[in-house]
Amino acid sequence: MTFGEFLRKLSIAEECRRYNTSLWQCPQFLFTVMGLLIILSVVFSFILGNRYIRDPEITLLFILSLTGVLFAMAFIITRSFEQLAEANRLKTEFIGIVSHQLRSPLTNLKWGLDFLMTETTQHTQQEEGYFHILKDNVNRMHEMVNDLLTVSRAEQGTLPFQEKEFDFAELVEQMLAEFQSAIQASNIQVKVEGERVPKLYNDPSLVRHILGNLVDNAIRYAWRDHEPIPNGDRKAQIVIAYRGAGDRLRVEVRDNGVGIPRQDQKYIFQKFFRSTNAVRRQTEGSGLGLFIVKSLLEKAGGEIGFASEENKGSTFWFTLPFKK
């Protein structure tokens, strides 16, 4: 190990940045804290030994034994945290590399498929059906790769962020236009309840991604026409409401869909987590949407929360500052 590497090892901030962890999860910081606790324990033991043990040699032996045990425990605990942090860093890097490598062949496959579908040559009905199946699966793969790449960038702190002033009402209209075909196919009624609010100074593509993920979830977990709806017959509905709350914008996405079971609610923002009723209904999804939403909101200076009841629906809300 060179002297420069040794100095970098002593730098807590540098090591925490390398592992991409918070301060209280950083192995070097934990080792420093435990070292201070060990020093305090030794001093306290010395004071007690001087007061209650007459033989100074026994006092010294006791303190040395206690110090050795505490340092051994600190080393084992810190080493375990270091291995976990390193594994987490490698996993994040692996996801980023794989996502980058998969994007190019998927894009080429998508272009080739679009060319075959728009070719002047007539295709049989069966061939057209196969093409549509392939296109749907390629789109799903492309969406999943993009989600994985976003997760990787969020964890590494490399998400692009370009602030500018924009109108939130216009962003809602543009986002709903993108979801129009999915809304019509699912036979869902969508309402927008918005007040006149100041323009936002933030990253519009990031805010659009946040709102789009929440609306996408509401569509995925709406009641379908063929499903028996508990507590009577009701039409699937999504409400997007927004208003000013002091110096922040508050946005709510409400639905009357399947809701989230109470026992699953504490895990809902974790990576790859899917609630039991989502798995049971075999709804498509990777379990990354809400994790991405929370990560993006942290980047944009916002907050998120929700309230949900199984078989009655969910309300997800988030806030964003109007100004920089």
C-alpha atoms as a PDB file:
ATOM      1  CA  MET A   1       0.000   0.000   0.000  1.00  0.00           C
ATOM      2  CA  THR A   2       1.418   3.410  -1.003  1.00  0.00           C
ATOM      3  CA  PHE A   3       1.427   6.411   1.334  1.00  0.00           C
ATOM      4  CA  GLY A   4      -1.285   8.088  -0.782  1.00  0.00           C
ATOM      5  CA  GLU A   5      -3.541   5.024  -0.507  1.00  0.00           C
ATOM      6  CA  PHE A   6      -2.922   4.966   3.258  1.00  0.00           C
ATOM      7  CA  LEU A   7      -3.986   8.620   3.546  1.00  0.00           C
ATOM      8  CA  ARG A   8      -7.117   7.924   1.468  1.00  0.00           C
ATOM      9  CA  LYS A   9      -7.981   5.063   3.827  1.00  0.00           C
ATOM     10  CA  LEU A  10      -7.784   7.526   6.731  1.00  0.00           C
ATOM     11  CA  SER A  11     -10.129   9.955   4.982  1.00  0.00           C
ATOM     12  CA  ILE A  12     -13.646   9.121   6.191  1.00  0.00           C
ATOM     13  CA  ALA A  13     -15.337  11.323   3.582  1.00  0.00           C
ATOM     14  CA  GLU A  14     -13.359   9.697   0.742  1.00  0.00           C
ATOM     15  CA  GLU A  15     -14.224   6.169   1.880  1.00  0.00           C
ATOM     16  CA  CYS A  16     -17.913   6.976   2.391  1.00  0.00           C
ATOM     17  CA  ARG A  17     -17.998   8.449  -1.119  1.00  0.00           C
ATOM     18  CA  ARG A  18     -16.331   5.339  -2.547  1.00  0.00           C
ATOM     19  CA  TYR A  19     -18.867   3.004  -0.960  1.00  0.00           C
ATOM     20  CA  ASN A  20     -21.725   5.429  -1.719  1.00  0.00           C
ATOM     21  CA  THR A  21     -23.165   5.045   1.790  1.00  0.00           C
ATOM     22  CA  SER A  22     -24.484   7.413   4.407  1.00  0.00           C
ATOM     23  CA  LEU A  23     -22.219   8.444   7.277  1.00  0.00           C
ATOM     24  CA  TRP A  24     -23.716   6.017   9.798  1.00  0.00           C
ATOM     25  CA  GLN A  25     -23.299   3.113   7.365  1.00  0.00           C
ATOM     26  CA  CYS A  26     -19.711   3.953   6.426  1.00  0.00           C
ATOM     27  CA  PRO A  27     -17.226   1.383   7.850  1.00  0.00           C
ATOM     28  CA  GLN A  28     -14.456   3.933   8.499  1.00  0.00           C
ATOM     29  CA  PHE A  29     -16.772   6.302  10.364  1.00  0.00           C
ATOM     30  CA  LEU A  30     -18.161   3.426  12.461  1.00  0.00           C
ATOM     31  CA  PHE A  31     -14.631   2.289  13.299  1.00  0.00           C
ATOM     32  CA  THR A  32     -13.740   5.826  14.397  1.00  0.00           C
ATOM     33  CA  VAL A  33     -16.835   6.058  16.613  1.00  0.00           C
ATOM     34  CA  MET A  34     -16.132   2.646  18.127  1.00  0.00           C
ATOM     35  CA  GLY A  35     -12.491   3.657  18.715  1.00  0.00           C
ATOM     36  CA  LEU A  36     -13.655   6.699  20.689  1.00  0.00           C
ATOM     37  CA  LEU A  37     -16.048   4.516  22.689  1.00  0.00           C
ATOM     38  CA  ILE A  38     -13.199   2.091  23.432  1.00  0.00           C
ATOM     39  CA  ILE A  39     -10.986   4.951  24.683  1.00  0.00           C
ATOM     40  CA  LEU A  40     -13.793   6.186  26.952  1.00  0.00           C
ATOM     41  CA  SER A  41     -14.366   2.627  28.214  1.00  0.00           C
ATOM     42  CA  VAL A  42     -10.644   2.235  29.018  1.00  0.00           C
ATOM     43  CA  VAL A  43     -10.527   5.556  30.888  1.00  0.00           C
ATOM     44  CA  PHE A  44     -13.690   4.678  32.829  1.00  0.00           C
ATOM     45  CA  SER A  45     -12.305   1.203  33.633  1.00  0.00           C
ATOM     46  CA  PHE A  46      -9.034   2.778  34.836  1.00  0.00           C
ATOM     47  CA  ILE A  47     -10.922   5.107  37.181  1.00  0.00           C
ATOM     48  CA  LEU A  48     -12.990   2.215  38.586  1.00  0.00           C
ATOM     49  CA  GLY A  49      -9.890   0.002  38.900  1.00  0.00           C
ATOM     50  CA  ASN A  50      -8.006   2.637  40.871  1.00  0.00           C
ATOM     51  CA  ARG A  51     -10.926   3.041  43.212  1.00  0.00           C
ATOM     52  CA  TYR A  52     -11.935  -0.594  43.859  1.00  0.00           C
ATOM     53  CA  ILE A  53      -8.842  -2.727  43.029  1.00  0.00           C
ATOM     54  CA  ARG A  54      -5.848  -2.336  45.288  1.00  0.00           C
ATOM     55  CA  ASP A  55      -3.277  -4.186  43.183  1.00  0.00           C
ATOM     56  CA  PRO A  56      -2.243  -1.947  40.203  1.00  0.00           C
ATOM     57  CA  GLU A  57      -0.973  -4.964  38.232  1.00  0.00           C
ATOM     58  CA  ILE A  58      -4.437  -6.555  38.313  1.00  0.00           C
ATOM     59  CA  THR A  59      -5.922  -3.209  37.234  1.00  0.00           C
ATOM     60  CA  LEU A  60      -3.472  -2.973  34.324  1.00  0.00           C
ATOM     61  CA  LEU A  61      -4.161  -6.585  33.274  1.00  0.00           C
ATOM     62  CA  PHE A  62      -7.912  -5.990  33.402  1.00  0.00           C
ATOM     63  CA  ILE A  63      -7.660  -2.822  31.277  1.00  0.00           C
ATOM     64  CA  LEU A  64      -5.386  -4.469  28.686  1.00  0.00           C
ATOM     65  CA  SER A  65      -7.711  -7.472  28.416  1.00  0.00           C
ATOM     66  CA  LEU A  66     -10.780  -5.243  28.055  1.00  0.00           C
ATOM     67  CA  THR A  67      -9.047  -3.091  25.417  1.00  0.00           C
ATOM     68  CA  GLY A  68      -8.000  -6.154  23.390  1.00  0.00           C
ATOM     69  CA  VAL A  69     -11.504  -7.637  23.445  1.00  0.00           C
ATOM     70  CA  LEU A  70     -13.157  -4.334  22.492  1.00  0.00           C
ATOM     71  CA  PHE A  71     -10.710  -3.681  19.628  1.00  0.00           C
ATOM     72  CA  ALA A  72     -11.211  -7.225  18.316  1.00  0.00           C
ATOM     73  CA  MET A  73     -15.003  -6.763  18.381  1.00  0.00           C
ATOM     74  CA  ALA A  74     -14.707  -3.357  16.681  1.00  0.00           C
ATOM     75  CA  PHE A  75     -12.496  -4.804  13.940  1.00  0.00           C
ATOM     76  CA  ILE A  76     -14.851  -7.744  13.268  1.00  0.00           C
ATOM     77  CA  ILE A  77     -17.955  -5.516  13.164  1.00  0.00           C
ATOM     78  CA  THR A  78     -16.292  -2.883  10.975  1.00  0.00           C
ATOM     79  CA  ARG A  79     -14.900  -5.534   8.622  1.00  0.00           C
ATOM     80  CA  SER A  80     -18.378  -7.025   8.228  1.00  0.00           C
ATOM     81  CA  PHE A  81     -19.823  -3.598   7.386  1.00  0.00           C
ATOM     82  CA  GLU A  82     -16.983  -3.021   4.928  1.00  0.00           C
ATOM     83  CA  GLN A  83     -17.692  -6.290   3.115  1.00  0.00           C
ATOM     84  CA  LEU A  84     -21.412  -5.451   2.912  1.00  0.00           C
ATOM     85  CA  ALA A  85     -20.666  -1.944   1.624  1.00  0.00           C
ATOM     86  CA  GLU A  86     -18.232  -3.332  -0.974  1.00  0.00           C
ATOM     87  CA  ALA A  87     -20.778  -5.940  -2.109  1.00  0.00           C
ATOM     88  CA  ASN A  88     -23.420  -3.220  -2.435  1.00  0.00           C
ATOM     89  CA  ARG A  89     -21.023  -1.032  -4.467  1.00  0.00           C
ATOM     90  CA  LEU A  90     -20.117  -3.894  -6.808  1.00  0.00           C
ATOM     91  CA  LYS A  91     -23.784  -4.797  -7.257  1.00  0.00           C
ATOM     92  CA  THR A  92     -24.645  -1.217  -8.208  1.00  0.00           C
ATOM     93  CA  GLU A  93     -21.744  -1.055 -10.663  1.00  0.00           C
ATOM     94  CA  PHE A  94     -22.751  -4.419 -12.161  1.00  0.00           C
ATOM     95  CA  ILE A  95     -26.344  -3.239 -12.686  1.00  0.00           C
ATOM     96  CA  GLY A  96     -25.072  -0.070 -14.369  1.00  0.00           C
ATOM     97  CA  ILE A  97     -22.696  -1.933 -16.687  1.00  0.00           C
ATOM     98  CA  VAL A  98     -25.268  -4.590 -17.665  1.00  0.00           C
ATOM     99  CA  SER A  99     -27.926  -1.940 -18.293  1.00  0.00           C
ATOM    100  CA  HIS A 100     -25.593   0.022 -20.574  1.00  0.00           C
ATOM    101  CA  GLN A 101     -24.601  -3.112 -22.472  1.00  0.00           C
ATOM    102  CA  LEU A 102     -28.210  -4.248 -22.971  1.00  0.00           C
ATOM    103  CA  ARG A 103     -29.527  -0.933 -24.270  1.00  0.00           C
ATOM    104  CA  SER A 104     -27.734  -1.066 -27.641  1.00  0.00           C
ATOM    105  CA  PRO A 105     -28.834  -4.575 -28.749  1.00  0.00           C
ATOM    106  CA  LEU A 106     -32.380  -3.898 -27.533  1.00  0.00           C
ATOM    107  CA  THR A 107     -32.524  -0.641 -29.501  1.00  0.00           C
ATOM    108  CA  ASN A 108     -31.246  -2.397 -32.631  1.00  0.00           C
ATOM    109  CA  LEU A 109     -33.790  -5.179 -32.159  1.00  0.00           C
ATOM    110  CA  LYS A 110     -36.565  -2.615 -31.775  1.00  0.00           C
ATOM    111  CA  TRP A 111     -35.550  -0.768 -34.960  1.00  0.00           C
ATOM    112  CA  GLY A 112     -35.324  -4.026 -36.901  1.00  0.00           C
ATOM    113  CA  LEU A 113     -38.740  -5.096 -35.678  1.00  0.00           C
ATOM    114  CA  ASP A 114     -40.292  -1.736 -36.581  1.00  0.00           C
ATOM    115  CA  PHE A 115     -38.798  -2.028 -40.067  1.00  0.00           C
ATOM    116  CA  LEU A 116     -40.247  -5.522 -40.547  1.00  0.00           C
ATOM    117  CA  MET A 117     -43.687  -4.379 -39.336  1.00  0.00           C
ATOM    118  CA  THR A 118     -43.766  -1.345 -41.644  1.00  0.00           C
ATOM    119  CA  GLU A 119     -42.314  -3.177 -44.652  1.00  0.00           C
ATOM    120  CA  THR A 120     -44.487  -3.053 -47.781  1.00  0.00           C
ATOM    121  CA  THR A 121     -44.533  -6.864 -47.987  1.00  0.00           C
ATOM    122  CA  GLN A 122     -47.863  -8.283 -46.898  1.00  0.00           C
ATOM    123  CA  HIS A 123     -47.797 -10.407 -43.750  1.00  0.00           C
ATOM    124  CA  THR A 124     -50.267 -13.047 -42.714  1.00  0.00           C
ATOM    125  CA  GLN A 125     -52.463 -12.442 -39.670  1.00  0.00           C
ATOM    126  CA  GLN A 126     -50.454 -15.008 -37.714  1.00  0.00           C
ATOM    127  CA  GLU A 127     -47.161 -13.264 -38.577  1.00  0.00           C
ATOM    128  CA  GLU A 128     -48.619  -9.905 -37.531  1.00  0.00           C
ATOM    129  CA  GLY A 129     -49.613 -11.441 -34.202  1.00  0.00           C
ATOM    130  CA  TYR A 130     -46.078 -12.736 -33.626  1.00  0.00           C
ATOM    131  CA  PHE A 131     -44.625  -9.308 -34.505  1.00  0.00           C
ATOM    132  CA  HIS A 132     -46.876  -7.596 -31.948  1.00  0.00           C
ATOM    133  CA  ILE A 133     -45.922 -10.119 -29.268  1.00  0.00           C
ATOM    134  CA  LEU A 134     -42.234  -9.509 -30.013  1.00  0.00           C
ATOM    135  CA  LYS A 135     -42.718  -5.736 -29.933  1.00  0.00           C
ATOM    136  CA  ASP A 136     -44.528  -5.854 -26.580  1.00  0.00           C
ATOM    137  CA  ASN A 137     -41.758  -7.958 -25.044  1.00  0.00           C
ATOM    138  CA  VAL A 138     -38.997  -5.740 -26.452  1.00  0.00           C
ATOM    139  CA  ASN A 139     -40.753  -2.671 -25.028  1.00  0.00           C
ATOM    140  CA  ARG A 140     -41.020  -4.357 -21.628  1.00  0.00           C
ATOM    141  CA  MET A 141     -37.328  -5.258 -21.697  1.00  0.00           C
ATOM    142  CA  HIS A 142     -36.409  -1.730 -22.761  1.00  0.00           C
ATOM    143  CA  GLU A 143     -38.474  -0.272 -19.914  1.00  0.00           C
ATOM    144  CA  MET A 144     -36.862  -2.612 -17.377  1.00  0.00           C
ATOM    145  CA  VAL A 145     -33.329  -1.812 -18.590  1.00  0.00           C
ATOM    146  CA  ASN A 146     -34.080   1.925 -18.334  1.00  0.00           C
ATOM    147  CA  ASP A 147     -35.373   1.417 -14.776  1.00  0.00           C
ATOM    148  CA  LEU A 148     -32.241  -0.509 -13.799  1.00  0.00           C
ATOM    149  CA  LEU A 149     -30.060   2.217 -15.290  1.00  0.00           C
ATOM    150  CA  THR A 150     -31.977   4.891 -13.363  1.00  0.00           C
ATOM    151  CA  VAL A 151     -31.567   2.908 -10.134  1.00  0.00           C
ATOM    152  CA  SER A 152     -27.839   2.541 -10.753  1.00  0.00           C
ATOM    153  CA  ARG A 153     -27.423   6.268 -11.421  1.00  0.00           C
ATOM    154  CA  ALA A 154     -29.517   7.186  -8.392  1.00  0.00           C
ATOM    155  CA  GLU A 155     -27.411   5.007  -6.082  1.00  0.00           C
ATOM    156  CA  GLN A 156     -24.152   6.326  -7.527  1.00  0.00           C
ATOM    157  CA  GLY A 157     -25.354   9.923  -7.390  1.00  0.00           C
ATOM    158  CA  THR A 158     -24.812  10.450 -11.135  1.00  0.00           C
ATOM    159  CA  LEU A 159     -28.374  11.249 -12.220  1.00  0.00           C
ATOM    160  CA  PRO A 160     -28.395  14.194 -14.646  1.00  0.00           C
ATOM    161  CA  PHE A 161     -30.195  17.219 -13.227  1.00  0.00           C
ATOM    162  CA  GLN A 162     -31.041  20.254 -15.375  1.00  0.00           C
ATOM    163  CA  GLU A 163     -33.083  22.925 -13.655  1.00  0.00           C
ATOM    164  CA  LYS A 164     -35.309  25.362 -15.498  1.00  0.00           C
ATOM    165  CA  GLU A 165     -38.659  27.086 -15.062  1.00  0.00           C
ATOM    166  CA  PHE A 166     -41.738  25.253 -16.337  1.00  0.00           C
ATOM    167  CA  ASP A 167     -45.511  25.105 -15.941  1.00  0.00           C
ATOM    168  CA  PHE A 168     -46.721  22.065 -13.980  1.00  0.00           C
ATOM    169  CA  ALA A 169     -50.215  22.115 -15.545  1.00  0.00           C
ATOM    170  CA  GLU A 170     -48.698  21.783 -19.027  1.00  0.00           C
ATOM    171  CA  LEU A 171     -46.501  18.924 -17.821  1.00  0.00           C
ATOM    172  CA  VAL A 172     -49.604  17.077 -16.522  1.00  0.00           C
ATOM    173  CA  GLU A 173     -51.342  17.482 -19.908  1.00  0.00           C
ATOM    174  CA  GLN A 174     -48.314  16.187 -21.819  1.00  0.00           C
ATOM    175  CA  MET A 175     -47.893  13.234 -19.462  1.00  0.00           C
ATOM    176  CA  LEU A 176     -51.590  12.229 -19.739  1.00  0.00           C
ATOM    177  CA  ALA A 177     -51.361  12.394 -23.546  1.00  0.00           C
ATOM    178  CA  GLU A 178     -48.611   9.757 -23.383  1.00  0.00           C
ATOM    179  CA  PHE A 179     -50.804   7.484 -21.232  1.00  0.00           C
ATOM    180  CA  GLN A 180     -53.986   8.025 -23.280  1.00  0.00           C
ATOM    181  CA  SER A 181     -53.893   4.644 -25.054  1.00  0.00           C
ATOM    182  CA  ALA A 182     -53.266   2.753 -21.764  1.00  0.00           C
ATOM    183  CA  ILE A 183     -56.075   4.693 -20.041  1.00  0.00           C
ATOM    184  CA  GLN A 184     -58.541   3.901 -22.823  1.00  0.00           C
ATOM    185  CA  ALA A 185     -57.482   0.249 -23.020  1.00  0.00           C
ATOM    186  CA  SER A 186     -58.000  -0.143 -19.269  1.00  0.00           C
ATOM    187  CA  ASN A 187     -61.328   1.759 -19.359  1.00  0.00           C
ATOM    188  CA  ILE A 188     -60.230   4.112 -16.582  1.00  0.00           C
ATOM    189  CA  GLN A 189     -61.713   7.528 -15.850  1.00  0.00           C
ATOM    190  CA  VAL A 190     -59.023  10.145 -15.184  1.00  0.00           C
ATOM    191  CA  LYS A 191     -59.745  13.500 -13.542  1.00  0.00           C
ATOM    192  CA  VAL A 192     -57.403  16.436 -12.976  1.00  0.00           C
ATOM    193  CA  GLU A 193     -58.148  18.720 -10.026  1.00  0.00           C
ATOM    194  CA  GLY A 194     -55.610  21.520 -10.170  1.00  0.00           C
ATOM    195  CA  GLU A 195     -55.364  24.979  -8.715  1.00  0.00           C
ATOM    196  CA  ARG A 196     -53.476  27.829 -10.318  1.00  0.00           C
ATOM    197  CA  VAL A 197     -49.920  27.527  -8.987  1.00  0.00           C
ATOM    198  CA  PRO A 198     -46.637  29.396  -9.642  1.00  0.00           C
ATOM    199  CA  LYS A 199     -44.171  27.946 -12.117  1.00  0.00           C
ATOM    200  CA  LEU A 200     -41.722  25.363 -10.817  1.00  0.00           C
ATOM    201  CA  TYR A 201     -37.970  25.765 -10.985  1.00  0.00           C
ATOM    202  CA  ASN A 202     -36.752  22.179 -11.219  1.00  0.00           C
ATOM    203  CA  ASP A 203     -35.858  19.455 -13.711  1.00  0.00           C
ATOM    204  CA  PRO A 204     -39.047  18.928 -15.821  1.00  0.00           C
ATOM    205  CA  SER A 205     -37.985  15.522 -17.187  1.00  0.00           C
ATOM    206  CA  LEU A 206     -37.326  14.297 -13.660  1.00  0.00           C
ATOM    207  CA  VAL A 207     -40.694  15.614 -12.358  1.00  0.00           C
ATOM    208  CA  ARG A 208     -42.410  14.054 -15.376  1.00  0.00           C
ATOM    209  CA  HIS A 209     -40.771  10.716 -14.558  1.00  0.00           C
ATOM    210  CA  ILE A 210     -41.995  10.941 -10.954  1.00  0.00           C
ATOM    211  CA  LEU A 211     -45.601  11.721 -11.883  1.00  0.00           C
ATOM    212  CA  GLY A 212     -45.559   9.232 -14.767  1.00  0.00           C
ATOM    213  CA  ASN A 213     -44.457   6.382 -12.489  1.00  0.00           C
ATOM    214  CA  LEU A 214     -47.237   7.118  -9.991  1.00  0.00           C
ATOM    215  CA  VAL A 215     -49.897   7.298 -12.726  1.00  0.00           C
ATOM    216  CA  ASP A 216     -48.502   4.125 -14.334  1.00  0.00           C
ATOM    217  CA  ASN A 217     -48.845   2.314 -10.990  1.00  0.00           C
ATOM    218  CA  ALA A 218     -52.412   3.583 -10.579  1.00  0.00           C
ATOM    219  CA  ILE A 219     -53.287   2.225 -14.044  1.00  0.00           C
ATOM    220  CA  ARG A 220     -51.586  -1.137 -13.399  1.00  0.00           C
ATOM    221  CA  TYR A 221     -53.413  -1.717 -10.119  1.00  0.00           C
ATOM    222  CA  ALA A 222     -56.848  -0.475 -11.169  1.00  0.00           C
ATOM    223  CA  TRP A 223     -59.761  -2.918 -11.189  1.00  0.00           C
ATOM    224  CA  ARG A 224     -60.250  -4.586 -14.569  1.00  0.00           C
ATOM    225  CA  ASP A 225     -63.645  -5.024 -16.191  1.00  0.00           C
ATOM    226  CA  HIS A 226     -63.524  -8.816 -15.812  1.00  0.00           C
ATOM    227  CA  GLU A 227     -62.616  -8.719 -12.078  1.00  0.00           C
ATOM    228  CA  PRO A 228     -65.231  -8.894  -9.312  1.00  0.00           C
ATOM    229  CA  ILE A 229     -64.906  -5.585  -7.427  1.00  0.00           C
ATOM    230  CA  PRO A 230     -65.386  -5.809  -3.636  1.00  0.00           C
ATOM    231  CA  ASN A 231     -67.994  -3.536  -2.008  1.00  0.00           C
ATOM    232  CA  GLY A 232     -70.126  -3.163  -5.092  1.00  0.00           C
ATOM    233  CA  ASP A 233     -69.638  -2.190  -8.718  1.00  0.00           C
ATOM    234  CA  ARG A 234     -67.604   0.974  -9.307  1.00  0.00           C
ATOM    235  CA  LYS A 235     -65.736   2.376 -12.279  1.00  0.00           C
ATOM    236  CA  ALA A 236     -61.948   2.478 -12.099  1.00  0.00           C
ATOM    237  CA  GLN A 237     -60.909   6.066 -11.484  1.00  0.00           C
ATOM    238  CA  ILE A 238     -57.673   8.051 -11.089  1.00  0.00           C
ATOM    239  CA  VAL A 239     -57.554  11.607  -9.756  1.00  0.00           C
ATOM    240  CA  ILE A 240     -54.498  13.850 -10.158  1.00  0.00           C
ATOM    241  CA  ALA A 241     -54.809  16.781  -7.741  1.00  0.00           C
ATOM    242  CA  TYR A 242     -52.288  19.549  -7.170  1.00  0.00           C
ATOM    243  CA  ARG A 243     -52.214  22.783  -5.182  1.00  0.00           C
ATOM    244  CA  GLY A 244     -49.835  25.203  -3.573  1.00  0.00           C
ATOM    245  CA  ALA A 245     -48.863  24.571   0.063  1.00  0.00           C
ATOM    246  CA  GLY A 246     -46.764  27.514   1.199  1.00  0.00           C
ATOM    247  CA  ASP A 247     -43.541  27.586  -0.800  1.00  0.00           C
ATOM    248  CA  ARG A 248     -44.093  24.050  -2.132  1.00  0.00           C
ATOM    249  CA  LEU A 249     -46.258  22.269  -4.668  1.00  0.00           C
ATOM    250  CA  ARG A 250     -48.290  19.333  -3.311  1.00  0.00           C
ATOM    251  CA  VAL A 251     -49.414  16.684  -5.797  1.00  0.00           C
ATOM    252  CA  GLU A 252     -51.717  13.723  -5.099  1.00  0.00           C
ATOM    253  CA  VAL A 253     -52.423  10.709  -7.302  1.00  0.00           C
ATOM    254  CA  ARG A 254     -55.551   8.961  -5.996  1.00  0.00           C
ATOM    255  CA  ASP A 255     -57.069   5.721  -7.254  1.00  0.00           C
ATOM    256  CA  ASN A 256     -59.844   3.362  -6.174  1.00  0.00           C
ATOM    257  CA  GLY A 257     -57.940   0.213  -7.166  1.00  0.00           C
ATOM    258  CA  VAL A 258     -56.730  -2.853  -5.301  1.00  0.00           C
ATOM    259  CA  GLY A 259     -54.772  -0.922  -2.654  1.00  0.00           C
ATOM    260  CA  ILE A 260     -51.774  -2.136  -0.654  1.00  0.00           C
ATOM    261  CA  PRO A 261     -52.103  -4.722   2.167  1.00  0.00           C
ATOM    262  CA  ARG A 262     -51.204  -3.259   5.569  1.00  0.00           C
ATOM    263  CA  GLN A 263     -48.394  -5.775   6.183  1.00  0.00           C
ATOM    264  CA  ASP A 264     -46.698  -4.736   2.909  1.00  0.00           C
ATOM    265  CA  GLN A 265     -46.856  -0.970   3.344  1.00  0.00           C
ATOM    266  CA  LYS A 266     -43.580  -0.580   5.263  1.00  0.00           C
ATOM    267  CA  TYR A 267     -41.643  -2.192   2.378  1.00  0.00           C
ATOM    268  CA  ILE A 268     -43.296  -0.316  -0.469  1.00  0.00           C
ATOM    269  CA  PHE A 269     -40.325   1.961  -1.315  1.00  0.00           C
ATOM    270  CA  GLN A 270     -37.738  -0.834  -1.281  1.00  0.00           C
ATOM    271  CA  LYS A 271     -36.030  -2.042  -4.451  1.00  0.00           C
ATOM    272  CA  PHE A 272     -37.679  -4.973  -6.271  1.00  0.00           C
ATOM    273  CA  PHE A 273     -40.482  -5.229  -3.690  1.00  0.00           C
ATOM    274  CA  ARG A 274     -43.943  -6.149  -4.954  1.00  0.00           C
ATOM    275  CA  SER A 275     -46.979  -6.434  -2.697  1.00  0.00           C
ATOM    276  CA  THR A 276     -48.717  -9.776  -2.247  1.00  0.00           C
ATOM    277  CA  ASN A 277     -51.872  -8.751  -4.111  1.00  0.00           C
ATOM    278  CA  ALA A 278     -49.783  -7.470  -7.064  1.00  0.00           C
ATOM    279  CA  VAL A 279     -48.061 -10.869  -7.326  1.00  0.00           C
ATOM    280  CA  ARG A 280     -51.375 -12.664  -6.909  1.00  0.00           C
ATOM    281  CA  ARG A 281     -52.972 -10.683  -9.764  1.00  0.00           C
ATOM    282  CA  GLN A 282     -49.864 -11.338 -11.925  1.00  0.00           C
ATOM    283  CA  THR A 283     -49.577  -7.622 -12.695  1.00  0.00           C
ATOM    284  CA  GLU A 284     -46.532  -6.726 -14.792  1.00  0.00           C
ATOM    285  CA  GLY A 285     -43.840  -4.793 -12.989  1.00  0.00           C
ATOM    286  CA  SER A 286     -40.270  -4.930 -11.703  1.00  0.00           C
ATOM    287  CA  GLY A 287     -40.811  -3.489  -8.226  1.00  0.00           C
ATOM    288  CA  LEU A 288     -38.529  -0.537  -9.031  1.00  0.00           C
ATOM    289  CA  GLY A 289     -41.060   2.218  -9.769  1.00  0.00           C
ATOM    290  CA  LEU A 290     -41.615   3.568  -6.259  1.00  0.00           C
ATOM    291  CA  PHE A 291     -37.942   3.208  -5.328  1.00  0.00           C
ATOM    292  CA  ILE A 292     -37.094   5.324  -8.391  1.00  0.00           C
ATOM    293  CA  VAL A 293     -39.777   7.891  -7.503  1.00  0.00           C
ATOM    294  CA  LYS A 294     -38.391   8.312  -3.985  1.00  0.00           C
ATOM    295  CA  SER A 295     -34.798   8.566  -5.272  1.00  0.00           C
ATOM    296  CA  LEU A 296     -35.761  11.180  -7.864  1.00  0.00           C
ATOM    297  CA  LEU A 297     -37.683  13.223  -5.292  1.00  0.00           C
ATOM    298  CA  GLU A 298     -34.673  13.254  -2.988  1.00  0.00           C
ATOM    299  CA  LYS A 299     -32.651  14.570  -5.930  1.00  0.00           C
ATOM    300  CA  ALA A 300     -35.285  17.240  -6.651  1.00  0.00           C
ATOM    301  CA  GLY A 301     -35.623  18.338  -3.020  1.00  0.00           C
ATOM    302  CA  GLY A 302     -39.066  16.810  -2.520  1.00  0.00           C
ATOM    303  CA  GLU A 303     -40.843  14.424  -0.172  1.00  0.00           C
ATOM    304  CA  ILE A 304     -43.244  11.530  -0.714  1.00  0.00           C
ATOM    305  CA  GLY A 305     -45.845   9.668   1.316  1.00  0.00           C
ATOM    306  CA  PHE A 306     -48.967   7.573   0.840  1.00  0.00           C
ATOM    307  CA  ALA A 307     -52.123   6.214   2.417  1.00  0.00           C
ATOM    308  CA  SER A 308     -53.696   2.984   1.239  1.00  0.00           C
ATOM    309  CA  GLU A 309     -56.343   0.436   2.149  1.00  0.00           C
ATOM    310  CA  GLU A 310     -56.660  -2.948   0.515  1.00  0.00           C
ATOM    311  CA  ASN A 311     -59.565  -3.248  -1.959  1.00  0.00           C
ATOM    312  CA  LYS A 312     -60.344   0.490  -1.582  1.00  0.00           C
ATOM    313  CA  GLY A 313     -57.458   2.249  -3.258  1.00  0.00           C
ATOM    314  CA  SER A 314     -54.339   4.314  -2.642  1.00  0.00           C
ATOM    315  CA  THR A 315     -53.300   7.955  -2.471  1.00  0.00           C
ATOM    316  CA  PHE A 316     -49.676   8.814  -3.186  1.00  0.00           C
ATOM    317  CA  TRP A 317     -48.586  12.392  -2.569  1.00  0.00           C
ATOM    318  CA  PHE A 318     -45.369  14.294  -3.108  1.00  0.00           C
ATOM    319  CA  THR A 319     -44.171  17.850  -2.615  1.00  0.00           C
ATOM    320  CA  LEU A 320     -41.653  19.954  -4.524  1.00  0.00           C
ATOM    321  CA  PRO A 321     -40.262  23.426  -3.829  1.00  0.00           C
ATOM    322  CA  PHE A 322     -41.386  26.131  -6.253  1.00  0.00           C
ATOM    323  CA  LYS A 323     -38.029  27.880  -6.226  1.00  0.00           C
ATOM    324  CA  LYS A 324     -34.443  26.675  -6.500  1.00  0.00           C
END
